[in-house]
Amino acid sequence: MSTAPELTYADCVDRLRAAQEAAAALPAVLWEATGAELGQGLEVLGELSAVAEGAEAAITIDAVERGEPAATNPPVNAREWVAQHHRRYAVTGAGHVATVAQACRDPRHSILRQAVTAGRVSIATAAVILTEMRLLRPHLHPDAVDTVWHAYVTLGERHDARTVRRLRDELLARHGLDGEFDDSETRAKKGESLTLGKEIAPGLFEYVLRITREGRAALEAAIGPLTAPTPTPADEHGPPEPDLRPHDLRRAHALLAVIGHAQKAGNNTWSSTKVQVFVQITLDDLQRRAGAGSLLGGLTTGELVTPDTVRRWACDATIIPTVLNASGEVVDHGRAARLFTPAQIKQLWLRDRHCTYPGCDAPAAWTDAHHFIHWADGGPTDLDNAALLCGRHHTTVHTQRYHGWIQPGTNGARHVVWDRTRSAYDHALERLHSGHGRGSPSRLTDQPPHERPRAHRRASGDPHLRHP
C-alpha cells in the first residue's frame, strides 16, 4: 500500500532530498553490487525518473493555476518560472514543461494530465501528443476525438515521442474526415522538389530531394535490392574480398545503377517487370477508397499509402496487393501478371503515341498504362480499357476521378477522350452498374475481386490468377 497520502509536502521534499543524496553517492559504491543488483538499481532509477518528472509537471500545473509566476517580483511567465527553479530546465526544456502544464489545465486534456502527473507519459512525449492533436483535430470526425486522445496517450505510455509522431497518418486514415488522408498526400506533392547539384568538394555534388510517402516507397523499392553488400567470393584467381562500401555509398551507387538502366532502355518497353511494391489493404478500404494501405518490405514497412495510390500503382507498376476481408483473412493475392504485357504496351505506344491527357505530349516511354475502369472495380487489362498517361497526369486522373474512353474518329482511327469533370469516374461507374453506360470494355458487377467470373480474368496462362 502506498504511503504517499500519509506524507506531508514537507515530508515528501525531505525524502526527495534523501533520494538525491543516495543517487549522488551511488557511483562510488557500484563495486559492491553484483551484476543482477546493477540491473535492479537501474530499474529503480528509471522508475524514480519517471515519477519525478510527473511530480515536476504536477508542481508546475499547480503553480500556474495559483498564479505563482505572475506573483513573483518581477512577474515572469510559466517558462521563466520553471527555469528559475529547476536546474535542468534553466537553459532549455522549460518551455516544454510550461506548455504541457498550461495544456493540462484544459478539462479536455484530463486524460493526458493524469498520465503525465503519474509519470506514465514523459513531458517530451506529452508535448508531441499536444502538437499532433492540434494538427489533427480539425481533420477528425468529431466523435473520434476522444478515441484519438486515448490512442495517443496509450502509445505514449509505451513508446517514445518519435513513435507517437509516426501515428499521425494512421489516425488520419482511420478517423479523419472523408478524403482528408488523400488530401494530405495531394498537399504533400506540392512540396516535392529536387535541387540543382551544389559542389561541396572538388568533383562531389550534393542534391536535396523531397518526395512524398508514395515517392519514397517507389524509390526504396527500386534501389533496395541493389543496396546489399556484394562481396567478391574466393576463386582460383584470388581470395574473397569484402564489400567495404558504407551503407550511404551503396545507396548512391544503387540509384545511379537504376538511372543507368533507364537510360539504356531508351524508347524500348520494359523488358522485365517494373519495381515491385508490396502493400496490404482491406477489401472494404480498397473498394470504398477509405482507410489506407500498409507497405510491406524494406525501409518503408508499416508506412501508409492512400487507397487511390494503391489503385494508381496497380495500373502499371508491379504492385503486389494482399487484400484482407473484415476478419483479417487473405481473400486475394495480387500478382504482377495483372499488368499490361510488353506486347500490349507496344500496341498502346503505336495507338496513343504519347500521354493522352489533353495538351500533354510526354513521350510514350515516360508513360504508364492506365485502366479506364480500374481493376478493383471490375475493369479488365485489355487495350479497350487502357490509355497512356505520364506520371503527373496519371496522378491527376486518379485524384480528380476523371474518366476516359476510346472514341473512333472519322477516318477510322481511334483516340482517347477524357471527361475532366471532377468525379466523372464515379458517375461513369453508376451508369455502368445501371446498364446505361457508355460502351464499356467490361460489365461491372457488385462482386468482390476474388468472386468475379472468369470473364474478368486476364488471359495470362495462370489458372489461379484472378483479375479483380
Protein backbone atom coordinates (compact mmCIF):
# COMPACT_ATOMS: atom_id res chain seq x y z
CA MET A 1 0.00 0.00 0.00
CA SER A 2 1.34 3.44 -0.92
CA THR A 3 2.28 5.75 1.98
CA ALA A 4 2.01 8.88 -0.16
CA PRO A 5 -1.33 10.08 1.31
CA GLU A 6 0.18 9.92 4.83
CA LEU A 7 3.09 12.19 3.92
CA THR A 8 3.00 15.96 4.18
CA TYR A 9 4.51 18.15 1.48
CA ALA A 10 7.50 18.78 3.77
CA ASP A 11 7.93 15.03 4.26
CA CYS A 12 7.94 14.49 0.51
CA VAL A 13 10.59 17.17 -0.02
CA ASP A 14 12.77 15.68 2.74
CA ARG A 15 12.55 12.21 1.20
CA LEU A 16 13.32 13.59 -2.24
CA ARG A 17 16.48 15.19 -0.81
CA ALA A 18 17.42 11.84 0.70
CA ALA A 19 16.85 10.15 -2.68
CA GLN A 20 19.00 12.84 -4.28
CA GLU A 21 21.81 12.16 -1.81
CA ALA A 22 21.54 8.41 -2.42
CA ALA A 23 21.69 8.83 -6.19
CA ALA A 24 24.72 11.13 -5.89
CA ALA A 25 26.56 8.59 -3.68
CA LEU A 26 25.68 5.60 -5.87
CA PRO A 27 28.62 5.76 -8.36
CA ALA A 28 31.16 5.41 -5.52
CA VAL A 29 29.68 2.13 -4.24
CA LEU A 30 28.92 0.36 -7.52
CA TRP A 31 31.81 -2.03 -6.85
CA GLU A 32 29.74 -3.60 -4.08
CA ALA A 33 26.92 -4.67 -6.43
CA THR A 34 26.55 -7.93 -8.33
CA GLY A 35 25.56 -7.88 -11.99
CA ALA A 36 21.93 -8.55 -11.11
CA GLU A 37 21.96 -5.80 -8.50
CA LEU A 38 23.25 -3.31 -11.06
CA GLY A 39 20.19 -4.04 -13.17
CA GLN A 40 17.93 -3.61 -10.17
CA GLY A 41 19.50 -0.24 -9.37
CA LEU A 42 18.93 0.98 -12.90
CA GLU A 43 15.30 -0.14 -12.79
CA VAL A 44 14.74 1.83 -9.56
CA LEU A 45 16.36 4.94 -11.05
CA GLY A 46 14.21 4.59 -14.16
CA GLU A 47 11.04 4.45 -12.10
CA LEU A 48 12.24 7.32 -9.93
CA SER A 49 12.98 9.46 -13.01
CA ALA A 50 9.52 8.82 -14.44
CA VAL A 51 7.74 9.56 -11.16
CA ALA A 52 9.93 12.62 -10.55
CA GLU A 53 9.09 14.04 -13.99
CA GLY A 54 5.41 13.51 -13.28
CA ALA A 55 5.81 15.36 -9.99
CA GLU A 56 7.59 18.20 -11.80
CA ALA A 57 4.59 18.55 -14.12
CA ALA A 58 2.17 18.42 -11.17
CA ILE A 59 4.05 21.20 -9.34
CA THR A 60 4.16 23.37 -12.45
CA ILE A 61 0.44 22.88 -13.16
CA ASP A 62 -0.42 23.80 -9.57
CA ALA A 63 1.87 26.84 -9.63
CA VAL A 64 0.32 28.12 -12.85
CA GLU A 65 -3.21 27.59 -11.50
CA ARG A 66 -2.28 29.56 -8.36
CA GLY A 67 -0.76 32.35 -10.45
CA GLU A 68 2.69 31.97 -8.90
CA PRO A 69 4.69 33.10 -11.98
CA ALA A 70 2.76 36.37 -12.16
CA ALA A 71 3.14 36.89 -8.38
CA THR A 72 6.95 36.93 -8.42
CA ASN A 73 8.93 40.16 -8.39
CA PRO A 74 9.31 40.95 -11.19
CA PRO A 75 6.47 38.93 -12.74
CA VAL A 76 7.52 36.13 -15.12
CA ASN A 77 5.78 33.70 -17.43
CA ALA A 78 5.44 29.98 -16.75
CA ARG A 79 8.53 29.04 -18.78
CA GLU A 80 10.72 31.55 -16.91
CA TRP A 81 9.31 30.39 -13.56
CA VAL A 82 10.25 26.78 -14.36
CA ALA A 83 13.76 27.82 -15.48
CA GLN A 84 14.30 29.77 -12.24
CA HIS A 85 13.51 26.78 -10.02
CA HIS A 86 14.77 23.79 -11.99
CA ARG A 87 18.48 23.46 -12.79
CA ARG A 88 17.99 21.01 -15.66
CA TYR A 89 15.48 23.30 -17.36
CA ALA A 90 17.40 26.53 -16.71
CA VAL A 91 18.91 26.55 -20.20
CA THR A 92 16.49 24.54 -22.32
CA GLY A 93 13.36 22.47 -21.89
CA ALA A 94 11.48 24.83 -19.61
CA GLY A 95 9.20 25.75 -22.49
CA HIS A 96 8.09 22.13 -22.88
CA VAL A 97 7.25 21.85 -19.18
CA ALA A 98 5.33 25.14 -19.21
CA THR A 99 3.46 24.27 -22.41
CA VAL A 100 2.41 20.86 -21.11
CA ALA A 101 1.41 22.34 -17.76
CA GLN A 102 -0.71 25.03 -19.38
CA ALA A 103 -2.39 22.50 -21.70
CA CYS A 104 -3.12 20.05 -18.89
CA ARG A 105 -5.29 22.68 -17.20
CA ASP A 106 -7.78 22.30 -20.08
CA PRO A 107 -10.57 19.91 -19.00
CA ARG A 108 -10.47 18.33 -22.49
CA HIS A 109 -6.94 17.15 -21.72
CA SER A 110 -7.71 15.45 -18.42
CA ILE A 111 -6.58 12.03 -19.65
CA LEU A 112 -3.18 13.47 -20.60
CA ARG A 113 -2.89 15.31 -17.27
CA GLN A 114 -3.44 12.08 -15.34
CA ALA A 115 -0.86 10.21 -17.42
CA VAL A 116 1.77 12.95 -17.13
CA THR A 117 1.46 13.64 -13.41
CA ALA A 118 1.56 9.90 -12.69
CA GLY A 119 4.81 9.62 -14.63
CA ARG A 120 3.35 7.28 -17.28
CA VAL A 121 3.95 9.74 -20.12
CA SER A 122 7.10 11.86 -20.26
CA ILE A 123 6.91 15.62 -20.67
CA ALA A 124 8.67 15.41 -24.05
CA THR A 125 6.17 12.84 -25.30
CA ALA A 126 3.25 14.85 -23.90
CA ALA A 127 4.47 17.90 -25.85
CA VAL A 128 4.47 15.83 -29.05
CA ILE A 129 0.99 14.47 -28.32
CA LEU A 130 -0.33 18.01 -27.86
CA THR A 131 1.25 19.12 -31.14
CA GLU A 132 -0.12 16.11 -33.02
CA MET A 133 -3.62 16.62 -31.62
CA ARG A 134 -3.52 20.32 -32.56
CA LEU A 135 -2.64 19.35 -36.13
CA LEU A 136 -5.13 16.50 -36.35
CA ARG A 137 -8.20 17.85 -34.54
CA PRO A 138 -9.55 19.99 -37.45
CA HIS A 139 -9.39 16.94 -39.74
CA LEU A 140 -11.03 14.38 -37.43
CA HIS A 141 -14.62 13.24 -37.15
CA PRO A 142 -15.94 14.98 -34.00
CA ASP A 143 -16.97 11.67 -32.44
CA ALA A 144 -13.45 10.28 -32.96
CA VAL A 145 -11.56 12.94 -30.97
CA ASP A 146 -11.75 11.08 -27.63
CA THR A 147 -10.69 7.84 -29.33
CA VAL A 148 -7.64 9.54 -30.82
CA TRP A 149 -6.73 11.08 -27.46
CA HIS A 150 -6.78 7.66 -25.82
CA ALA A 151 -4.74 6.18 -28.67
CA TYR A 152 -2.04 8.81 -28.30
CA VAL A 153 -1.83 8.57 -24.52
CA THR A 154 -1.79 4.76 -24.57
CA LEU A 155 1.00 4.76 -27.15
CA GLY A 156 2.86 7.48 -25.24
CA GLU A 157 2.93 5.29 -22.14
CA ARG A 158 4.79 2.55 -24.02
CA HIS A 159 6.87 4.33 -26.65
CA ASP A 160 8.95 7.44 -27.24
CA ALA A 161 7.97 10.70 -28.90
CA ARG A 162 9.23 9.59 -32.33
CA THR A 163 6.89 6.59 -32.38
CA VAL A 164 3.98 8.77 -31.27
CA ARG A 165 4.67 11.21 -34.09
CA ARG A 166 4.52 8.41 -36.66
CA LEU A 167 0.95 7.54 -35.59
CA ARG A 168 -0.49 10.62 -37.32
CA ASP A 169 -1.03 9.08 -40.75
CA GLU A 170 -2.78 6.00 -39.38
CA LEU A 171 -5.12 8.03 -37.16
CA LEU A 172 -5.91 10.39 -40.03
CA ALA A 173 -6.63 7.44 -42.33
CA ARG A 174 -8.89 5.70 -39.81
CA HIS A 175 -10.61 8.60 -38.04
CA GLY A 176 -10.23 11.58 -40.38
CA LEU A 177 -12.99 13.33 -42.26
CA ASP A 178 -13.73 11.85 -45.67
CA GLY A 179 -10.87 12.47 -48.08
CA GLU A 180 -8.54 14.06 -45.52
CA PHE A 181 -5.84 11.39 -45.83
CA ASP A 182 -5.96 11.60 -49.63
CA ASP A 183 -5.84 15.39 -49.44
CA SER A 184 -2.75 15.24 -47.22
CA GLU A 185 -0.93 13.30 -49.93
CA THR A 186 -2.09 15.78 -52.56
CA ARG A 187 -0.86 18.72 -50.48
CA ALA A 188 2.46 16.98 -49.85
CA LYS A 189 3.02 16.53 -53.59
CA LYS A 190 3.18 20.29 -53.99
CA GLY A 191 6.32 20.25 -51.83
CA GLU A 192 8.20 17.72 -53.93
CA SER A 193 11.48 19.08 -55.25
CA LEU A 194 14.98 18.23 -56.40
CA THR A 195 17.62 20.92 -56.15
CA LEU A 196 20.35 21.56 -58.66
CA GLY A 197 23.55 19.86 -57.62
CA LYS A 198 25.80 22.00 -55.41
CA GLU A 199 29.52 21.26 -55.48
CA ILE A 200 30.58 20.62 -51.89
CA ALA A 201 34.04 19.26 -52.65
CA PRO A 202 36.15 19.00 -55.79
CA GLY A 203 34.10 16.79 -58.12
CA LEU A 204 31.48 15.99 -55.44
CA PHE A 205 27.91 17.32 -55.73
CA GLU A 206 25.07 17.41 -53.23
CA TYR A 207 21.39 17.23 -54.22
CA VAL A 208 18.40 17.71 -51.90
CA LEU A 209 15.39 15.56 -52.78
CA ARG A 210 11.94 16.00 -51.24
CA ILE A 211 9.29 13.42 -52.14
CA THR A 212 6.01 12.15 -50.71
CA ARG A 213 5.47 8.85 -48.94
CA GLU A 214 4.40 7.40 -52.27
CA GLY A 215 7.59 8.53 -53.97
CA ARG A 216 9.68 7.24 -51.09
CA ALA A 217 8.08 3.81 -51.33
CA ALA A 218 8.79 3.65 -55.06
CA LEU A 219 12.37 4.87 -54.62
CA GLU A 220 13.16 2.42 -51.83
CA ALA A 221 11.61 -0.44 -53.78
CA ALA A 222 13.76 0.47 -56.79
CA ILE A 223 17.12 0.78 -55.03
CA GLY A 224 16.55 -1.55 -52.08
CA PRO A 225 17.59 -4.80 -53.84
CA LEU A 226 20.78 -3.10 -55.09
CA THR A 227 21.97 -1.76 -51.72
CA ALA A 228 23.01 -5.06 -50.18
CA PRO A 229 26.79 -5.60 -49.82
CA THR A 230 28.27 -7.55 -52.74
CA PRO A 231 31.44 -9.27 -51.52
CA THR A 232 33.66 -10.98 -54.04
CA PRO A 233 33.86 -14.75 -53.47
CA ALA A 234 37.15 -16.61 -53.50
CA ASP A 235 38.17 -18.34 -56.72
CA GLU A 236 41.28 -19.69 -58.36
CA HIS A 237 42.40 -16.15 -59.14
CA GLY A 238 42.31 -14.74 -55.63
CA PRO A 239 40.90 -14.72 -52.07
CA PRO A 240 37.47 -13.38 -51.10
CA GLU A 241 37.09 -9.60 -50.88
CA PRO A 242 34.53 -7.97 -48.58
CA ASP A 243 32.34 -5.08 -49.77
CA LEU A 244 33.69 -2.23 -47.63
CA ARG A 245 31.40 0.48 -49.04
CA PRO A 246 29.41 2.32 -46.33
CA HIS A 247 25.63 1.98 -46.48
CA ASP A 248 25.08 5.52 -47.83
CA LEU A 249 27.61 4.91 -50.61
CA ARG A 250 25.87 1.69 -51.62
CA ARG A 251 22.56 3.58 -51.81
CA ALA A 252 24.09 6.23 -54.06
CA HIS A 253 25.53 3.55 -56.34
CA ALA A 254 22.14 1.79 -56.42
CA LEU A 255 20.35 4.97 -57.51
CA LEU A 256 22.89 5.61 -60.25
CA ALA A 257 22.50 2.00 -61.41
CA VAL A 258 18.71 2.40 -61.71
CA ILE A 259 19.18 5.65 -63.68
CA GLY A 260 21.69 3.94 -65.95
CA HIS A 261 19.29 1.06 -66.58
CA ALA A 262 16.52 3.50 -67.53
CA GLN A 263 18.85 5.37 -69.90
CA LYS A 264 19.88 2.13 -71.61
CA ALA A 265 16.22 1.17 -72.08
CA GLY A 266 15.76 4.28 -74.24
CA ASN A 267 12.46 4.20 -76.09
CA ASN A 268 12.01 0.47 -75.63
CA THR A 269 9.31 -1.04 -73.45
CA TRP A 270 10.38 -2.55 -70.18
CA SER A 271 11.93 -5.92 -70.85
CA SER A 272 11.20 -7.01 -67.31
CA THR A 273 8.72 -6.12 -64.62
CA LYS A 274 8.86 -2.71 -63.03
CA VAL A 275 9.68 -2.03 -59.41
CA GLN A 276 7.82 -4.31 -57.00
CA VAL A 277 5.85 -2.59 -54.24
CA PHE A 278 4.12 -4.79 -51.66
CA VAL A 279 1.07 -3.38 -49.90
CA GLN A 280 -1.61 -4.76 -47.59
CA ILE A 281 -5.14 -3.32 -47.67
CA THR A 282 -8.61 -4.47 -46.70
CA LEU A 283 -11.15 -5.24 -49.41
CA ASP A 284 -13.56 -2.72 -47.90
CA ASP A 285 -10.97 0.08 -47.87
CA LEU A 286 -9.93 -0.69 -51.46
CA GLN A 287 -13.49 -0.62 -52.79
CA ARG A 288 -14.63 2.40 -50.75
CA ARG A 289 -11.35 4.31 -51.24
CA ALA A 290 -11.15 4.74 -47.46
CA GLY A 291 -8.62 3.91 -44.77
CA ALA A 292 -5.12 3.16 -46.02
CA GLY A 293 -2.81 0.51 -47.39
CA SER A 294 0.23 -0.58 -45.37
CA LEU A 295 3.55 -1.04 -47.15
CA LEU A 296 5.49 -4.27 -46.63
CA GLY A 297 9.19 -4.92 -47.07
CA GLY A 298 12.27 -2.74 -46.85
CA LEU A 299 12.71 0.60 -45.11
CA THR A 300 9.11 1.65 -45.75
CA THR A 301 7.49 -1.29 -43.92
CA GLY A 302 4.49 -0.11 -41.92
CA GLU A 303 4.16 3.22 -43.69
CA LEU A 304 0.75 4.04 -45.14
CA VAL A 305 -0.41 4.93 -48.63
CA THR A 306 -3.83 6.11 -49.74
CA PRO A 307 -6.24 3.72 -51.49
CA ASP A 308 -6.11 5.94 -54.59
CA THR A 309 -2.35 5.49 -54.64
CA VAL A 310 -2.82 1.71 -54.48
CA ARG A 311 -5.24 1.91 -57.39
CA ARG A 312 -2.88 4.02 -59.49
CA TRP A 313 0.16 1.83 -58.77
CA ALA A 314 -1.87 -1.19 -59.81
CA CYS A 315 -2.29 0.23 -63.33
CA ASP A 316 1.33 -0.01 -64.42
CA ALA A 317 3.70 -0.93 -61.62
CA THR A 318 4.32 -4.30 -60.11
CA ILE A 319 2.19 -3.72 -57.05
CA ILE A 320 1.57 -6.90 -55.09
CA PRO A 321 -1.54 -6.23 -53.00
CA THR A 322 -2.62 -8.57 -50.23
CA VAL A 323 -6.35 -7.96 -49.86
CA LEU A 324 -7.93 -8.83 -46.50
CA ASN A 325 -11.56 -9.26 -45.51
CA ALA A 326 -13.17 -7.82 -42.37
CA SER A 327 -11.81 -10.73 -40.30
CA GLY A 328 -8.26 -10.13 -41.45
CA GLU A 329 -8.23 -13.20 -43.69
CA VAL A 330 -6.48 -13.05 -47.05
CA VAL A 331 -9.06 -13.11 -49.83
CA ASP A 332 -6.83 -12.17 -52.75
CA HIS A 333 -3.10 -12.14 -53.50
CA GLY A 334 -2.20 -9.67 -56.22
CA ARG A 335 0.20 -10.77 -58.92
CA ALA A 336 2.40 -8.91 -61.37
CA ALA A 337 0.62 -10.66 -64.27
CA ARG A 338 -2.31 -8.31 -63.70
CA LEU A 339 -0.26 -5.71 -65.51
CA PHE A 340 -0.33 -4.95 -69.20
CA THR A 341 2.07 -7.18 -71.09
CA PRO A 342 5.01 -5.75 -73.07
CA ALA A 343 3.13 -6.63 -76.26
CA GLN A 344 0.06 -4.69 -75.12
CA ILE A 345 2.21 -1.72 -74.14
CA LYS A 346 3.81 -1.68 -77.60
CA GLN A 347 0.35 -1.57 -79.15
CA LEU A 348 -0.63 1.29 -76.84
CA TRP A 349 2.53 3.15 -77.89
CA LEU A 350 1.54 2.73 -81.54
CA ARG A 351 -2.05 3.80 -80.89
CA ASP A 352 -1.60 6.69 -78.45
CA ARG A 353 1.95 7.84 -79.37
CA HIS A 354 2.28 9.91 -76.19
CA CYS A 355 0.43 10.85 -72.98
CA THR A 356 -3.25 11.11 -73.87
CA TYR A 357 -4.05 13.87 -71.39
CA PRO A 358 -5.20 16.97 -73.27
CA GLY A 359 -2.28 19.22 -74.16
CA CYS A 360 0.42 16.81 -72.98
CA ASP A 361 2.92 15.33 -75.41
CA ALA A 362 5.14 13.43 -72.95
CA PRO A 363 6.69 10.58 -74.99
CA ALA A 364 5.30 7.08 -74.67
CA ALA A 365 8.47 5.87 -72.93
CA TRP A 366 7.63 8.14 -69.99
CA THR A 367 4.05 6.95 -69.55
CA ASP A 368 2.07 4.35 -67.61
CA ALA A 369 -0.75 2.21 -68.99
CA HIS A 370 -3.86 3.39 -67.14
CA HIS A 371 -7.07 1.37 -66.72
CA PHE A 372 -10.15 3.42 -67.70
CA ILE A 373 -12.20 1.16 -65.41
CA HIS A 374 -9.97 0.22 -62.54
CA TRP A 375 -9.25 -3.46 -61.83
CA ALA A 376 -10.71 -3.07 -58.33
CA ASP A 377 -14.00 -2.02 -59.98
CA GLY A 378 -14.08 -4.88 -62.48
CA GLY A 379 -12.08 -3.44 -65.36
CA PRO A 380 -10.06 -5.88 -67.48
CA THR A 381 -6.47 -5.44 -68.59
CA ASP A 382 -7.06 -5.04 -72.32
CA LEU A 383 -6.46 -2.33 -74.90
CA ASP A 384 -10.07 -1.10 -74.97
CA ASN A 385 -9.73 -0.33 -71.26
CA ALA A 386 -6.35 1.39 -71.44
CA ALA A 387 -4.65 4.67 -72.24
CA LEU A 388 -1.16 6.09 -71.83
CA LEU A 389 -0.67 8.73 -69.14
CA CYS A 390 2.53 10.36 -67.89
CA GLY A 391 3.19 10.17 -64.17
CA ARG A 392 1.86 13.66 -63.40
CA HIS A 393 -1.38 13.23 -65.32
CA HIS A 394 -1.82 9.67 -64.08
CA THR A 395 -1.91 11.12 -60.59
CA THR A 396 -4.31 13.87 -61.71
CA VAL A 397 -6.75 11.41 -63.30
CA HIS A 398 -6.87 9.27 -60.14
CA THR A 399 -7.08 12.10 -57.60
CA GLN A 400 -9.65 14.11 -59.58
CA ARG A 401 -11.55 10.93 -60.53
CA TYR A 402 -11.58 11.79 -64.25
CA HIS A 403 -12.96 9.29 -66.76
CA GLY A 404 -11.76 8.36 -70.24
CA TRP A 405 -12.81 6.12 -73.12
CA ILE A 406 -11.83 5.16 -76.67
CA GLN A 407 -13.68 7.03 -79.41
CA PRO A 408 -13.50 6.16 -83.14
CA GLY A 409 -12.53 9.02 -85.44
CA THR A 410 -13.97 9.90 -88.86
CA ASN A 411 -11.05 8.21 -90.64
CA GLY A 412 -11.37 5.01 -88.61
CA ALA A 413 -8.55 5.92 -86.23
CA ARG A 414 -9.31 5.55 -82.54
CA HIS A 415 -8.32 8.10 -79.94
CA VAL A 416 -8.73 8.69 -76.22
CA VAL A 417 -11.26 11.17 -74.86
CA TRP A 418 -11.13 12.47 -71.28
CA ASP A 419 -14.04 13.82 -69.28
CA ARG A 420 -12.26 16.26 -66.96
CA THR A 421 -15.24 16.82 -64.70
CA ARG A 422 -14.32 16.06 -61.10
CA SER A 423 -15.75 12.65 -60.05
CA ALA A 424 -16.67 11.82 -63.66
CA TYR A 425 -15.30 8.33 -62.99
CA ASP A 426 -17.80 7.78 -60.17
CA HIS A 427 -20.70 8.90 -62.39
CA ALA A 428 -19.46 6.52 -65.12
CA LEU A 429 -19.44 3.63 -62.63
CA GLU A 430 -23.02 4.42 -61.65
CA ARG A 431 -24.09 4.38 -65.30
CA LEU A 432 -22.23 1.14 -65.92
CA HIS A 433 -23.81 -0.52 -62.88
CA SER A 434 -27.22 0.55 -64.12
CA GLY A 435 -26.51 -0.81 -67.61
CA HIS A 436 -26.84 2.59 -69.29
CA GLY A 437 -23.18 3.48 -69.52
CA ARG A 438 -21.03 4.42 -72.45
CA GLY A 439 -19.68 1.37 -74.29
CA SER A 440 -17.74 -0.36 -71.54
CA PRO A 441 -14.89 -2.81 -72.03
CA SER A 442 -16.32 -4.92 -69.26
CA ARG A 443 -19.56 -5.25 -67.36
CA LEU A 444 -19.14 -4.22 -63.75
CA THR A 445 -20.55 -6.40 -61.01
CA ASP A 446 -21.12 -5.92 -57.32
CA GLN A 447 -18.98 -8.93 -56.52
CA PRO A 448 -15.67 -8.54 -54.65
CA PRO A 449 -12.48 -9.14 -56.64
CA HIS A 450 -11.99 -12.76 -55.57
CA GLU A 451 -15.56 -13.75 -56.57
CA ARG A 452 -15.78 -12.24 -60.05
CA PRO A 453 -16.30 -14.62 -63.01
CA ARG A 454 -13.58 -15.85 -65.34
CA ALA A 455 -14.60 -13.23 -67.94
CA HIS A 456 -12.90 -10.69 -65.70
CA ARG A 457 -9.67 -12.64 -65.52
CA ARG A 458 -6.75 -11.70 -67.64
CA ALA A 459 -5.57 -14.29 -70.16
CA SER A 460 -2.20 -14.79 -68.55
CA GLY A 461 -1.92 -18.56 -68.54
CA ASP A 462 -2.18 -18.67 -64.75
CA PRO A 463 -5.38 -20.56 -63.81
CA HIS A 464 -5.17 -19.26 -60.26
CA LEU A 465 -4.89 -15.60 -61.20
CA ARG A 466 -7.98 -13.56 -60.54
CA HIS A 467 -8.20 -10.17 -62.12
CA PRO A 468 -10.46 -8.02 -59.93
